[in-house]
Amino acid sequence: MHLFDTHFHLKKFETELSPELCRRAMLDSCARTGFVPESFGLNAVGGDFEESLNARTFAHGAPDCVFSAGVHPGNAGDFSGDTSPFEIFADDPLLAAVGELGLDYYYDAETAPQQRRTFGAFLELALKWGKPAVVHLRDKGDDAAFRDGFALLADFVRDGGRFEVHCFTGSCAWGEKILELGGYIGITGMVTFRRAENVREILRALPGDRILLETDSPYLAPVPYRGRENNPGFLGLIAAAAAAVRGAPVDEFADLTAANARRFFRLEPSGKNNDCGAVKP
């Protein structure tokens, strides 16, 4: 079995310990849940400049790990609009994507204008760097964030951009629109939540080559750990639940989604030593 957590956030203690020790702890957690992957890829995600720096440091110390740099919509209200500090990441060989970025009108609707400006600025950066975008879209069920986000993403794709919508919680109709733009869709531990039938519905409808798995840790721990702090070691549980929804063998489904992740991030297949593959130009 091969696993790839395409989206996790570092907890404070993980910035203070050796990345290799943290990764071993994640693998131990995975083994305790009954999954021992042959390869275990990770994408450490930045939601602001400092978190992006920490994600880069972690990626350079942990085998088979890459990182993403960006500004989460929840931080857009405090963002100056100047993306120049992020240029320090441009030539890093382990930079896999730009993100997390996007629109969140559920908690932060009052900063919607700043969110749209920030989203647009980082989509431009993704085009400039030739990297995919890791996108967050969430609203209160009125589709406002999806409408605004789709308009920006359509322009981005027309100019050659690639993207995924991580932790997808939208409708099947919006899922279809995302797929039409060539986007990938990230599935989290929400697939195990009793009331998240919309997530299971879109999962059943997705083409196999567009599915990414993620923990979004330390948030959204899957059942039976819901309510506790999440970590990438729970990804095997998410893979098993998602495979069951699709009626697929878990090993095959995990391998498929790991291959999707490496294709999306343009990484070489994982070697036997589990070191990170080189990013293709």
C-alpha atoms as a PDB file:
ATOM      1  CA  MET A   1       0.000   0.000   0.000  1.00  0.00           C
ATOM      2  CA  HIS A   2       1.166   3.503  -0.901  1.00  0.00           C
ATOM      3  CA  LEU A   3      -0.265   6.565   0.849  1.00  0.00           C
ATOM      4  CA  PHE A   4       0.124  10.295   0.211  1.00  0.00           C
ATOM      5  CA  ASP A   5      -1.314  12.931   2.555  1.00  0.00           C
ATOM      6  CA  THR A   6      -1.707  15.829   0.142  1.00  0.00           C
ATOM      7  CA  HIS A   7      -2.642  18.375   2.813  1.00  0.00           C
ATOM      8  CA  PHE A   8      -1.586  18.671   6.447  1.00  0.00           C
ATOM      9  CA  HIS A   9      -0.686  21.576   8.722  1.00  0.00           C
ATOM     10  CA  LEU A  10       2.153  21.443  11.201  1.00  0.00           C
ATOM     11  CA  LYS A  11       1.246  21.584  14.877  1.00  0.00           C
ATOM     12  CA  LYS A  12       3.440  23.676  17.149  1.00  0.00           C
ATOM     13  CA  PHE A  13       5.372  20.724  18.573  1.00  0.00           C
ATOM     14  CA  GLU A  14       6.168  19.563  15.048  1.00  0.00           C
ATOM     15  CA  THR A  15       8.053  22.816  14.419  1.00  0.00           C
ATOM     16  CA  GLU A  16      10.139  22.211  17.554  1.00  0.00           C
ATOM     17  CA  LEU A  17      11.109  18.559  16.988  1.00  0.00           C
ATOM     18  CA  SER A  18      13.118  16.838  14.286  1.00  0.00           C
ATOM     19  CA  PRO A  19      10.989  16.397  11.136  1.00  0.00           C
ATOM     20  CA  GLU A  20      12.284  12.830  10.877  1.00  0.00           C
ATOM     21  CA  LEU A  21      11.101  12.052  14.415  1.00  0.00           C
ATOM     22  CA  CYS A  22       7.712  13.603  13.655  1.00  0.00           C
ATOM     23  CA  ARG A  23       7.406  11.544  10.497  1.00  0.00           C
ATOM     24  CA  ARG A  24       8.251   8.372  12.394  1.00  0.00           C
ATOM     25  CA  ALA A  25       5.512   9.241  14.894  1.00  0.00           C
ATOM     26  CA  MET A  26       3.073   9.626  12.009  1.00  0.00           C
ATOM     27  CA  LEU A  27       4.064   6.222  10.639  1.00  0.00           C
ATOM     28  CA  ASP A  28       3.686   4.686  14.118  1.00  0.00           C
ATOM     29  CA  SER A  29       0.195   6.159  14.299  1.00  0.00           C
ATOM     30  CA  CYS A  30      -0.582   4.679  10.894  1.00  0.00           C
ATOM     31  CA  ALA A  31       0.639   1.247  12.012  1.00  0.00           C
ATOM     32  CA  ARG A  32      -1.495   1.389  15.169  1.00  0.00           C
ATOM     33  CA  THR A  33      -4.571   1.832  12.989  1.00  0.00           C
ATOM     34  CA  GLY A  34      -3.615  -1.258  10.985  1.00  0.00           C
ATOM     35  CA  PHE A  35      -1.880   0.297   7.971  1.00  0.00           C
ATOM     36  CA  VAL A  36       1.822  -0.035   7.145  1.00  0.00           C
ATOM     37  CA  PRO A  37       2.455   1.778   3.846  1.00  0.00           C
ATOM     38  CA  GLU A  38       5.317   0.932   1.532  1.00  0.00           C
ATOM     39  CA  SER A  39       5.655   4.650   0.849  1.00  0.00           C
ATOM     40  CA  PHE A  40       4.182   7.562   2.741  1.00  0.00           C
ATOM     41  CA  GLY A  41       4.246  10.918   0.980  1.00  0.00           C
ATOM     42  CA  LEU A  42       3.421  14.207   2.650  1.00  0.00           C
ATOM     43  CA  ASN A  43       2.628  17.771   1.628  1.00  0.00           C
ATOM     44  CA  ALA A  44       3.102  20.273   4.465  1.00  0.00           C
ATOM     45  CA  VAL A  45       0.857  23.261   3.756  1.00  0.00           C
ATOM     46  CA  GLY A  46       1.399  26.910   4.612  1.00  0.00           C
ATOM     47  CA  GLY A  47      -1.476  29.232   5.472  1.00  0.00           C
ATOM     48  CA  ASP A  48       0.640  32.342   5.947  1.00  0.00           C
ATOM     49  CA  PHE A  49       4.272  33.321   5.504  1.00  0.00           C
ATOM     50  CA  GLU A  50       5.487  31.933   8.836  1.00  0.00           C
ATOM     51  CA  GLU A  51       3.647  28.635   8.407  1.00  0.00           C
ATOM     52  CA  SER A  52       5.038  28.374   4.887  1.00  0.00           C
ATOM     53  CA  LEU A  53       8.556  28.803   6.268  1.00  0.00           C
ATOM     54  CA  ASN A  54       7.914  26.067   8.840  1.00  0.00           C
ATOM     55  CA  ALA A  55       6.474  23.797   6.159  1.00  0.00           C
ATOM     56  CA  ARG A  56       9.608  24.274   4.067  1.00  0.00           C
ATOM     57  CA  THR A  57      11.853  23.458   7.018  1.00  0.00           C
ATOM     58  CA  PHE A  58       9.849  20.314   7.758  1.00  0.00           C
ATOM     59  CA  ALA A  59       9.928  19.170   4.128  1.00  0.00           C
ATOM     60  CA  HIS A  60      13.702  19.470   3.990  1.00  0.00           C
ATOM     61  CA  GLY A  61      14.080  17.317   7.090  1.00  0.00           C
ATOM     62  CA  ALA A  62      11.522  14.584   6.439  1.00  0.00           C
ATOM     63  CA  PRO A  63      11.809  11.904   3.727  1.00  0.00           C
ATOM     64  CA  ASP A  64       9.207  11.916   0.946  1.00  0.00           C
ATOM     65  CA  CYS A  65       7.835  15.301   1.951  1.00  0.00           C
ATOM     66  CA  VAL A  66       7.159  18.434  -0.084  1.00  0.00           C
ATOM     67  CA  PHE A  67       5.565  21.730   0.908  1.00  0.00           C
ATOM     68  CA  SER A  68       3.182  24.401  -0.287  1.00  0.00           C
ATOM     69  CA  ALA A  69       3.317  28.136   0.426  1.00  0.00           C
ATOM     70  CA  GLY A  70       0.440  30.593   0.485  1.00  0.00           C
ATOM     71  CA  VAL A  71      -2.084  32.624   2.488  1.00  0.00           C
ATOM     72  CA  HIS A  72      -5.256  30.973   3.769  1.00  0.00           C
ATOM     73  CA  PRO A  73      -8.445  33.024   3.236  1.00  0.00           C
ATOM     74  CA  GLY A  74      -8.822  33.241   7.007  1.00  0.00           C
ATOM     75  CA  ASN A  75      -5.577  35.228   7.066  1.00  0.00           C
ATOM     76  CA  ALA A  76      -6.377  37.416   4.057  1.00  0.00           C
ATOM     77  CA  GLY A  77      -7.728  40.227   6.228  1.00  0.00           C
ATOM     78  CA  ASP A  78      -4.255  40.698   7.717  1.00  0.00           C
ATOM     79  CA  PHE A  79      -2.365  40.244   4.458  1.00  0.00           C
ATOM     80  CA  SER A  80      -0.765  43.372   3.015  1.00  0.00           C
ATOM     81  CA  GLY A  81      -1.135  42.204  -0.578  1.00  0.00           C
ATOM     82  CA  ASP A  82       2.624  42.072  -1.092  1.00  0.00           C
ATOM     83  CA  THR A  83       3.606  38.608  -2.327  1.00  0.00           C
ATOM     84  CA  SER A  84       7.287  39.498  -2.762  1.00  0.00           C
ATOM     85  CA  PRO A  85       8.399  37.844   0.529  1.00  0.00           C
ATOM     86  CA  PHE A  86       7.142  34.544  -0.880  1.00  0.00           C
ATOM     87  CA  GLU A  87       9.666  34.745  -3.711  1.00  0.00           C
ATOM     88  CA  ILE A  88      12.166  33.031  -1.415  1.00  0.00           C
ATOM     89  CA  PHE A  89      10.248  29.792  -2.087  1.00  0.00           C
ATOM     90  CA  ALA A  90      10.220  30.104  -5.878  1.00  0.00           C
ATOM     91  CA  ASP A  91      13.292  28.023  -6.667  1.00  0.00           C
ATOM     92  CA  ASP A  92      13.057  25.556  -3.808  1.00  0.00           C
ATOM     93  CA  PRO A  93      13.157  22.012  -5.258  1.00  0.00           C
ATOM     94  CA  LEU A  94      10.633  20.806  -2.663  1.00  0.00           C
ATOM     95  CA  LEU A  95       8.032  23.488  -3.386  1.00  0.00           C
ATOM     96  CA  ALA A  96       5.157  21.442  -4.827  1.00  0.00           C
ATOM     97  CA  ALA A  97       2.293  23.934  -4.941  1.00  0.00           C
ATOM     98  CA  VAL A  98       1.010  27.384  -4.047  1.00  0.00           C
ATOM     99  CA  GLY A  99      -1.459  27.307  -1.190  1.00  0.00           C
ATOM    100  CA  GLU A 100      -3.408  27.095   0.882  1.00  0.00           C
ATOM    101  CA  LEU A 101      -5.395  29.902  -0.723  1.00  0.00           C
ATOM    102  CA  GLY A 102      -8.992  30.552  -1.686  1.00  0.00           C
ATOM    103  CA  LEU A 103     -12.268  31.878  -0.294  1.00  0.00           C
ATOM    104  CA  ASP A 104     -13.991  31.176   3.019  1.00  0.00           C
ATOM    105  CA  TYR A 105     -17.319  32.962   3.434  1.00  0.00           C
ATOM    106  CA  TYR A 106     -18.432  30.685   6.271  1.00  0.00           C
ATOM    107  CA  TYR A 107     -16.343  32.294   9.010  1.00  0.00           C
ATOM    108  CA  ASP A 108     -14.793  35.291   7.258  1.00  0.00           C
ATOM    109  CA  ALA A 109     -17.405  36.740   4.903  1.00  0.00           C
ATOM    110  CA  GLU A 110     -16.628  40.292   6.065  1.00  0.00           C
ATOM    111  CA  THR A 111     -13.164  40.041   4.488  1.00  0.00           C
ATOM    112  CA  ALA A 112     -14.473  38.757   1.138  1.00  0.00           C
ATOM    113  CA  PRO A 113     -12.931  41.625  -0.923  1.00  0.00           C
ATOM    114  CA  GLN A 114      -9.505  41.053   0.648  1.00  0.00           C
ATOM    115  CA  GLN A 115      -9.897  37.296   0.156  1.00  0.00           C
ATOM    116  CA  ARG A 116     -10.599  37.698  -3.549  1.00  0.00           C
ATOM    117  CA  ARG A 117      -7.609  40.015  -3.999  1.00  0.00           C
ATOM    118  CA  THR A 118      -5.310  37.657  -2.104  1.00  0.00           C
ATOM    119  CA  PHE A 119      -6.598  34.628  -3.984  1.00  0.00           C
ATOM    120  CA  GLY A 120      -6.020  36.345  -7.313  1.00  0.00           C
ATOM    121  CA  ALA A 121      -2.516  37.470  -6.340  1.00  0.00           C
ATOM    122  CA  PHE A 122      -1.429  33.952  -5.391  1.00  0.00           C
ATOM    123  CA  LEU A 123      -3.017  32.412  -8.467  1.00  0.00           C
ATOM    124  CA  GLU A 124      -0.804  34.775 -10.457  1.00  0.00           C
ATOM    125  CA  LEU A 125       2.165  33.563  -8.428  1.00  0.00           C
ATOM    126  CA  ALA A 126       1.244  29.949  -9.204  1.00  0.00           C
ATOM    127  CA  LEU A 127       1.236  30.759 -12.912  1.00  0.00           C
ATOM    128  CA  LYS A 128       4.546  32.559 -12.630  1.00  0.00           C
ATOM    129  CA  TRP A 129       6.173  29.652 -10.811  1.00  0.00           C
ATOM    130  CA  GLY A 130       4.500  26.942 -12.870  1.00  0.00           C
ATOM    131  CA  LYS A 131       2.999  25.318  -9.762  1.00  0.00           C
ATOM    132  CA  PRO A 132      -0.509  24.000  -9.090  1.00  0.00           C
ATOM    133  CA  ALA A 133      -2.783  25.789  -6.629  1.00  0.00           C
ATOM    134  CA  VAL A 134      -4.172  24.194  -3.461  1.00  0.00           C
ATOM    135  CA  VAL A 135      -7.582  25.834  -3.101  1.00  0.00           C
ATOM    136  CA  HIS A 136      -9.966  26.253  -0.162  1.00  0.00           C
ATOM    137  CA  LEU A 137     -13.627  27.029  -0.954  1.00  0.00           C
ATOM    138  CA  ARG A 138     -16.284  27.215   1.762  1.00  0.00           C
ATOM    139  CA  ASP A 139     -19.529  29.133   2.277  1.00  0.00           C
ATOM    140  CA  LYS A 140     -22.773  28.832   4.216  1.00  0.00           C
ATOM    141  CA  GLY A 141     -24.586  26.819   1.577  1.00  0.00           C
ATOM    142  CA  ASP A 142     -25.429  29.756  -0.670  1.00  0.00           C
ATOM    143  CA  ASP A 143     -22.653  28.845  -3.169  1.00  0.00           C
ATOM    144  CA  ALA A 144     -21.217  32.368  -3.001  1.00  0.00           C
ATOM    145  CA  ALA A 145     -17.622  31.240  -2.413  1.00  0.00           C
ATOM    146  CA  PHE A 146     -17.914  28.614  -5.136  1.00  0.00           C
ATOM    147  CA  ARG A 147     -19.293  31.137  -7.637  1.00  0.00           C
ATOM    148  CA  ASP A 148     -16.586  33.702  -6.916  1.00  0.00           C
ATOM    149  CA  GLY A 149     -13.869  31.059  -6.746  1.00  0.00           C
ATOM    150  CA  PHE A 150     -14.954  29.380  -9.955  1.00  0.00           C
ATOM    151  CA  ALA A 151     -14.727  32.669 -11.858  1.00  0.00           C
ATOM    152  CA  LEU A 152     -11.144  33.208 -10.699  1.00  0.00           C
ATOM    153  CA  LEU A 153     -10.188  29.583 -11.325  1.00  0.00           C
ATOM    154  CA  ALA A 154     -11.656  29.606 -14.835  1.00  0.00           C
ATOM    155  CA  ASP A 155      -9.338  32.504 -15.744  1.00  0.00           C
ATOM    156  CA  PHE A 156      -6.444  30.739 -14.024  1.00  0.00           C
ATOM    157  CA  VAL A 157      -6.993  27.526 -16.004  1.00  0.00           C
ATOM    158  CA  ARG A 158      -7.395  29.430 -19.259  1.00  0.00           C
ATOM    159  CA  ASP A 159      -3.921  30.877 -18.636  1.00  0.00           C
ATOM    160  CA  GLY A 160      -2.455  27.417 -18.071  1.00  0.00           C
ATOM    161  CA  GLY A 161      -3.005  26.901 -14.345  1.00  0.00           C
ATOM    162  CA  ARG A 162      -3.703  23.626 -12.524  1.00  0.00           C
ATOM    163  CA  PHE A 163      -5.478  23.235  -9.189  1.00  0.00           C
ATOM    164  CA  GLU A 164      -7.227  21.078  -6.637  1.00  0.00           C
ATOM    165  CA  VAL A 165     -10.061  21.984  -4.287  1.00  0.00           C
ATOM    166  CA  HIS A 166      -8.965  20.486  -1.005  1.00  0.00           C
ATOM    167  CA  CYS A 167     -11.400  19.220   1.648  1.00  0.00           C
ATOM    168  CA  PHE A 168     -14.264  19.396  -0.830  1.00  0.00           C
ATOM    169  CA  THR A 169     -17.666  19.880   0.829  1.00  0.00           C
ATOM    170  CA  GLY A 170     -19.657  21.311  -2.059  1.00  0.00           C
ATOM    171  CA  SER A 171     -22.459  19.832  -4.103  1.00  0.00           C
ATOM    172  CA  CYS A 172     -22.120  17.323  -6.912  1.00  0.00           C
ATOM    173  CA  ALA A 173     -23.043  20.112  -9.318  1.00  0.00           C
ATOM    174  CA  TRP A 174     -20.050  22.164  -8.172  1.00  0.00           C
ATOM    175  CA  GLY A 175     -17.910  19.054  -8.199  1.00  0.00           C
ATOM    176  CA  GLU A 176     -18.766  18.571 -11.858  1.00  0.00           C
ATOM    177  CA  LYS A 177     -17.838  22.177 -12.613  1.00  0.00           C
ATOM    178  CA  ILE A 178     -14.497  21.758 -10.870  1.00  0.00           C
ATOM    179  CA  LEU A 179     -13.831  18.604 -12.869  1.00  0.00           C
ATOM    180  CA  GLU A 180     -14.726  20.388 -16.110  1.00  0.00           C
ATOM    181  CA  LEU A 181     -11.943  22.869 -15.349  1.00  0.00           C
ATOM    182  CA  GLY A 182      -9.526  19.973 -14.926  1.00  0.00           C
ATOM    183  CA  GLY A 183      -9.400  20.252 -11.146  1.00  0.00           C
ATOM    184  CA  TYR A 184      -8.678  17.537  -8.615  1.00  0.00           C
ATOM    185  CA  ILE A 185     -10.758  17.071  -5.462  1.00  0.00           C
ATOM    186  CA  GLY A 186      -9.412  16.351  -1.994  1.00  0.00           C
ATOM    187  CA  ILE A 187     -11.203  13.910   0.331  1.00  0.00           C
ATOM    188  CA  THR A 188     -10.677  14.141   4.112  1.00  0.00           C
ATOM    189  CA  GLY A 189     -11.788  12.314   7.233  1.00  0.00           C
ATOM    190  CA  MET A 190     -15.196  13.892   6.725  1.00  0.00           C
ATOM    191  CA  VAL A 191     -15.959  10.856   4.542  1.00  0.00           C
ATOM    192  CA  THR A 192     -16.409   8.988   7.850  1.00  0.00           C
ATOM    193  CA  PHE A 193     -18.791  11.569   9.396  1.00  0.00           C
ATOM    194  CA  ARG A 194     -22.400  10.413   9.686  1.00  0.00           C
ATOM    195  CA  ARG A 195     -23.897  13.635   8.315  1.00  0.00           C
ATOM    196  CA  ALA A 196     -21.383  14.127   5.481  1.00  0.00           C
ATOM    197  CA  GLU A 197     -23.390  12.256   2.838  1.00  0.00           C
ATOM    198  CA  ASN A 198     -22.566  15.013   0.341  1.00  0.00           C
ATOM    199  CA  VAL A 199     -18.884  14.070   0.608  1.00  0.00           C
ATOM    200  CA  ARG A 200     -19.657  10.395   0.003  1.00  0.00           C
ATOM    201  CA  GLU A 201     -21.958  11.308  -2.878  1.00  0.00           C
ATOM    202  CA  ILE A 202     -19.285  13.303  -4.708  1.00  0.00           C
ATOM    203  CA  LEU A 203     -16.714  10.592  -3.952  1.00  0.00           C
ATOM    204  CA  ARG A 204     -18.871   7.980  -5.674  1.00  0.00           C
ATOM    205  CA  ALA A 205     -19.185  10.207  -8.738  1.00  0.00           C
ATOM    206  CA  LEU A 206     -15.530  11.210  -9.101  1.00  0.00           C
ATOM    207  CA  PRO A 207     -13.351   9.733 -11.830  1.00  0.00           C
ATOM    208  CA  GLY A 208     -10.594   7.739 -10.180  1.00  0.00           C
ATOM    209  CA  ASP A 209      -7.776   9.843 -11.594  1.00  0.00           C
ATOM    210  CA  ARG A 210      -9.013  13.065  -9.944  1.00  0.00           C
ATOM    211  CA  ILE A 211      -9.181  11.918  -6.308  1.00  0.00           C
ATOM    212  CA  LEU A 212      -6.641  13.066  -3.717  1.00  0.00           C
ATOM    213  CA  LEU A 213      -6.575  11.961  -0.085  1.00  0.00           C
ATOM    214  CA  GLU A 214      -5.678  14.260   2.783  1.00  0.00           C
ATOM    215  CA  THR A 215      -6.001  14.562   6.529  1.00  0.00           C
ATOM    216  CA  ASP A 216      -6.098  18.395   6.754  1.00  0.00           C
ATOM    217  CA  SER A 217      -4.617  17.673  10.158  1.00  0.00           C
ATOM    218  CA  PRO A 218      -4.677  18.713  12.921  1.00  0.00           C
ATOM    219  CA  TYR A 219      -8.357  19.156  11.981  1.00  0.00           C
ATOM    220  CA  LEU A 220     -11.114  16.717  10.929  1.00  0.00           C
ATOM    221  CA  ALA A 221      -9.868  13.495  12.515  1.00  0.00           C
ATOM    222  CA  PRO A 222     -11.761  10.514  11.080  1.00  0.00           C
ATOM    223  CA  VAL A 223     -14.067   8.255  13.068  1.00  0.00           C
ATOM    224  CA  PRO A 224     -13.269   6.701  15.580  1.00  0.00           C
ATOM    225  CA  TYR A 225     -10.935   9.580  16.478  1.00  0.00           C
ATOM    226  CA  ARG A 226     -13.359  12.374  15.650  1.00  0.00           C
ATOM    227  CA  GLY A 227     -13.042  15.232  18.128  1.00  0.00           C
ATOM    228  CA  ARG A 228      -9.393  14.460  18.798  1.00  0.00           C
ATOM    229  CA  GLU A 229      -6.336  16.022  17.204  1.00  0.00           C
ATOM    230  CA  ASN A 230      -5.801  14.652  13.720  1.00  0.00           C
ATOM    231  CA  ASN A 231      -2.444  13.636  12.231  1.00  0.00           C
ATOM    232  CA  PRO A 232      -1.249  12.193   8.901  1.00  0.00           C
ATOM    233  CA  GLY A 233      -0.991   8.758  10.506  1.00  0.00           C
ATOM    234  CA  PHE A 234      -4.784   8.491  10.262  1.00  0.00           C
ATOM    235  CA  LEU A 235      -4.689   8.647   6.462  1.00  0.00           C
ATOM    236  CA  GLY A 236      -5.030   4.873   6.194  1.00  0.00           C
ATOM    237  CA  LEU A 237      -8.412   5.084   7.939  1.00  0.00           C
ATOM    238  CA  ILE A 238      -9.529   7.719   5.451  1.00  0.00           C
ATOM    239  CA  ALA A 239      -8.320   5.576   2.548  1.00  0.00           C
ATOM    240  CA  ALA A 240     -10.212   2.556   3.890  1.00  0.00           C
ATOM    241  CA  ALA A 241     -13.447   4.502   4.380  1.00  0.00           C
ATOM    242  CA  ALA A 242     -13.212   6.136   0.956  1.00  0.00           C
ATOM    243  CA  ALA A 243     -12.426   2.805  -0.719  1.00  0.00           C
ATOM    244  CA  ALA A 244     -15.481   1.251   0.934  1.00  0.00           C
ATOM    245  CA  VAL A 245     -17.679   4.059  -0.403  1.00  0.00           C
ATOM    246  CA  ARG A 246     -16.419   3.330  -3.907  1.00  0.00           C
ATOM    247  CA  GLY A 247     -16.521  -0.446  -3.501  1.00  0.00           C
ATOM    248  CA  ALA A 248     -12.797  -0.750  -4.180  1.00  0.00           C
ATOM    249  CA  PRO A 249     -10.020  -2.728  -2.459  1.00  0.00           C
ATOM    250  CA  VAL A 250      -8.290  -0.402  -0.045  1.00  0.00           C
ATOM    251  CA  ASP A 251      -4.749  -1.205  -1.234  1.00  0.00           C
ATOM    252  CA  GLU A 252      -5.645  -0.480  -4.852  1.00  0.00           C
ATOM    253  CA  PHE A 253      -7.497   2.702  -3.942  1.00  0.00           C
ATOM    254  CA  ALA A 254      -4.637   3.950  -1.754  1.00  0.00           C
ATOM    255  CA  ASP A 255      -2.136   3.245  -4.544  1.00  0.00           C
ATOM    256  CA  LEU A 256      -4.344   5.052  -7.053  1.00  0.00           C
ATOM    257  CA  THR A 257      -4.666   8.196  -4.942  1.00  0.00           C
ATOM    258  CA  ALA A 258      -0.949   8.230  -4.106  1.00  0.00           C
ATOM    259  CA  ALA A 259      -0.162   8.048  -7.830  1.00  0.00           C
ATOM    260  CA  ASN A 260      -2.665  10.861  -8.430  1.00  0.00           C
ATOM    261  CA  ALA A 261      -0.862  12.995  -5.849  1.00  0.00           C
ATOM    262  CA  ARG A 262       2.534  12.465  -7.432  1.00  0.00           C
ATOM    263  CA  ARG A 263       1.096  13.295 -10.840  1.00  0.00           C
ATOM    264  CA  PHE A 264      -0.653  16.414  -9.531  1.00  0.00           C
ATOM    265  CA  PHE A 265       2.502  17.689  -7.796  1.00  0.00           C
ATOM    266  CA  ARG A 266       4.689  16.453 -10.681  1.00  0.00           C
ATOM    267  CA  LEU A 267       6.842  14.243  -8.488  1.00  0.00           C
ATOM    268  CA  GLU A 268       8.801  11.189  -9.487  1.00  0.00           C
ATOM    269  CA  PRO A 269       7.402   7.885  -8.194  1.00  0.00           C
ATOM    270  CA  SER A 270       8.580   7.136  -4.676  1.00  0.00           C
ATOM    271  CA  GLY A 271      11.771   5.060  -4.485  1.00  0.00           C
ATOM    272  CA  LYS A 272      12.390   2.106  -2.210  1.00  0.00           C
ATOM    273  CA  ASN A 273      14.249   4.344   0.217  1.00  0.00           C
ATOM    274  CA  ASN A 274      11.095   6.492   0.592  1.00  0.00           C
ATOM    275  CA  ASP A 275      13.029   9.654  -0.186  1.00  0.00           C
ATOM    276  CA  CYS A 276      11.230  12.479  -1.875  1.00  0.00           C
ATOM    277  CA  GLY A 277      11.212  12.307  -5.641  1.00  0.00           C
ATOM    278  CA  ALA A 278      12.627  15.218  -7.566  1.00  0.00           C
ATOM    279  CA  VAL A 279      10.140  17.754  -8.807  1.00  0.00           C
ATOM    280  CA  LYS A 280       9.910  17.691 -12.571  1.00  0.00           C
ATOM    281  CA  PRO A 281      10.295  20.953 -14.472  1.00  0.00           C
END
